[in-house]
């Protein structure tokens, strides 16, 4: 990438559902109710002509369970470091 005058870094997140693996530990909640898995977020280096230059950053997480004792906080009530979108800023 250092040899390129311009490198684009598109970002994307996907969800990997491993809910069928009942004995697997460490999975978090994803997308649909009852779905368990994790969400990898990737930054790929791409040259302007479309050629791939490789992966620049990868982060993986699963959402924590909801704590019923704490009041729900809307997205505008959270600081950036509390939001999932903070992963894009760190990348």
Protein backbone atom coordinates (compact mmCIF):
# COMPACT_ATOMS: atom_id res chain seq x y z
CA UNK A 1 0.00 0.00 0.00
CA UNK A 2 2.91 2.35 0.68
CA UNK A 3 3.76 2.32 -3.02
CA UNK A 4 0.32 3.66 -4.00
CA UNK A 5 -0.39 7.40 -4.24
CA UNK A 6 -4.02 6.83 -3.17
CA UNK A 7 -5.52 3.96 -1.20
CA UNK A 8 -9.24 3.61 -0.50
CA UNK A 9 -10.31 1.92 2.76
CA UNK A 10 -13.91 0.72 2.46
CA UNK A 11 -15.38 -0.61 5.70
CA UNK A 12 -17.98 -3.35 6.16
CA UNK A 13 -19.49 -5.42 8.94
CA UNK A 14 -21.20 -8.76 8.59
CA UNK A 15 -22.79 -11.18 11.04
CA UNK A 16 -21.73 -14.81 11.39
CA UNK A 17 -24.50 -16.91 12.96
CA UNK A 18 -23.29 -19.88 14.99
CA UNK A 19 -26.49 -20.29 17.00
CA UNK A 20 -26.79 -23.92 15.90
CA UNK A 21 -23.60 -24.77 17.79
CA UNK A 22 -25.29 -25.15 21.17
CA UNK A 23 -22.15 -25.97 23.17
CA UNK A 24 -20.04 -23.12 21.80
CA UNK A 25 -19.15 -20.50 24.42
CA UNK A 26 -18.36 -16.82 23.97
CA UNK A 27 -20.89 -16.03 21.26
CA UNK A 28 -22.87 -12.80 21.44
CA UNK A 29 -26.27 -11.70 20.21
CA UNK A 30 -26.49 -10.76 16.54
CA UNK A 31 -29.20 -9.35 14.26
CA UNK A 32 -32.23 -11.59 14.88
CA UNK A 33 -33.82 -12.59 18.17
CA UNK A 34 -32.15 -15.73 19.46
CA UNK A 35 -29.29 -15.64 16.94
CA UNK A 36 -25.83 -16.10 18.40
CA UNK A 37 -22.48 -15.52 16.76
CA UNK A 38 -20.11 -12.65 16.22
CA UNK A 39 -19.71 -9.64 13.95
CA UNK A 40 -16.43 -9.07 12.13
CA UNK A 41 -15.73 -5.54 10.89
CA UNK A 42 -13.17 -5.28 8.11
CA UNK A 43 -11.23 -2.49 6.41
CA UNK A 44 -9.85 -3.50 3.03
CA UNK A 45 -7.16 -1.58 1.17
CA UNK A 46 -8.20 -0.98 -2.45
CA UNK A 47 -6.49 0.96 -5.21
CA UNK A 48 -8.70 3.42 -7.15
CA UNK A 49 -8.74 1.09 -10.18
CA UNK A 50 -10.33 -1.59 -7.98
CA UNK A 51 -7.40 -3.86 -7.20
CA UNK A 52 -7.25 -5.34 -3.73
CA UNK A 53 -4.25 -4.39 -1.61
CA UNK A 54 -5.12 -6.48 1.45
CA UNK A 55 -6.82 -6.19 4.81
CA UNK A 56 -5.85 -3.16 6.90
CA UNK A 57 -7.88 -3.83 10.04
CA UNK A 58 -10.21 -6.50 11.41
CA UNK A 59 -12.22 -6.38 14.63
CA UNK A 60 -14.61 -9.02 15.93
CA UNK A 61 -17.22 -8.84 18.66
CA UNK A 62 -20.47 -10.30 19.93
CA UNK A 63 -23.06 -8.18 21.67
CA UNK A 64 -23.43 -8.52 25.41
CA UNK A 65 -26.75 -9.58 26.91
CA UNK A 66 -29.13 -6.82 27.95
CA UNK A 67 -29.01 -5.96 31.64
CA UNK A 68 -32.64 -5.64 32.70
CA UNK A 69 -31.66 -3.78 35.89
CA UNK A 70 -30.15 -0.82 34.04
CA UNK A 71 -32.41 1.65 32.25
CA UNK A 72 -32.29 1.49 28.46
CA UNK A 73 -30.25 4.28 26.92
CA UNK A 74 -31.01 5.37 23.37
CA UNK A 75 -28.26 5.79 20.81
CA UNK A 76 -28.16 9.56 21.37
CA UNK A 77 -27.61 8.99 25.09
CA UNK A 78 -24.36 7.08 24.55
CA UNK A 79 -20.90 8.46 24.04
CA UNK A 80 -19.07 7.38 20.89
CA UNK A 81 -16.84 4.93 22.79
CA UNK A 82 -20.00 3.12 24.01
CA UNK A 83 -21.35 2.60 20.48
CA UNK A 84 -20.52 -0.20 18.05
CA UNK A 85 -19.70 2.46 15.44
CA UNK A 86 -16.62 3.41 17.52
CA UNK A 87 -14.91 0.44 15.81
CA UNK A 88 -14.86 2.43 12.56
CA UNK A 89 -13.21 5.39 14.23
CA UNK A 90 -10.55 3.16 15.86
CA UNK A 91 -9.86 1.47 12.52
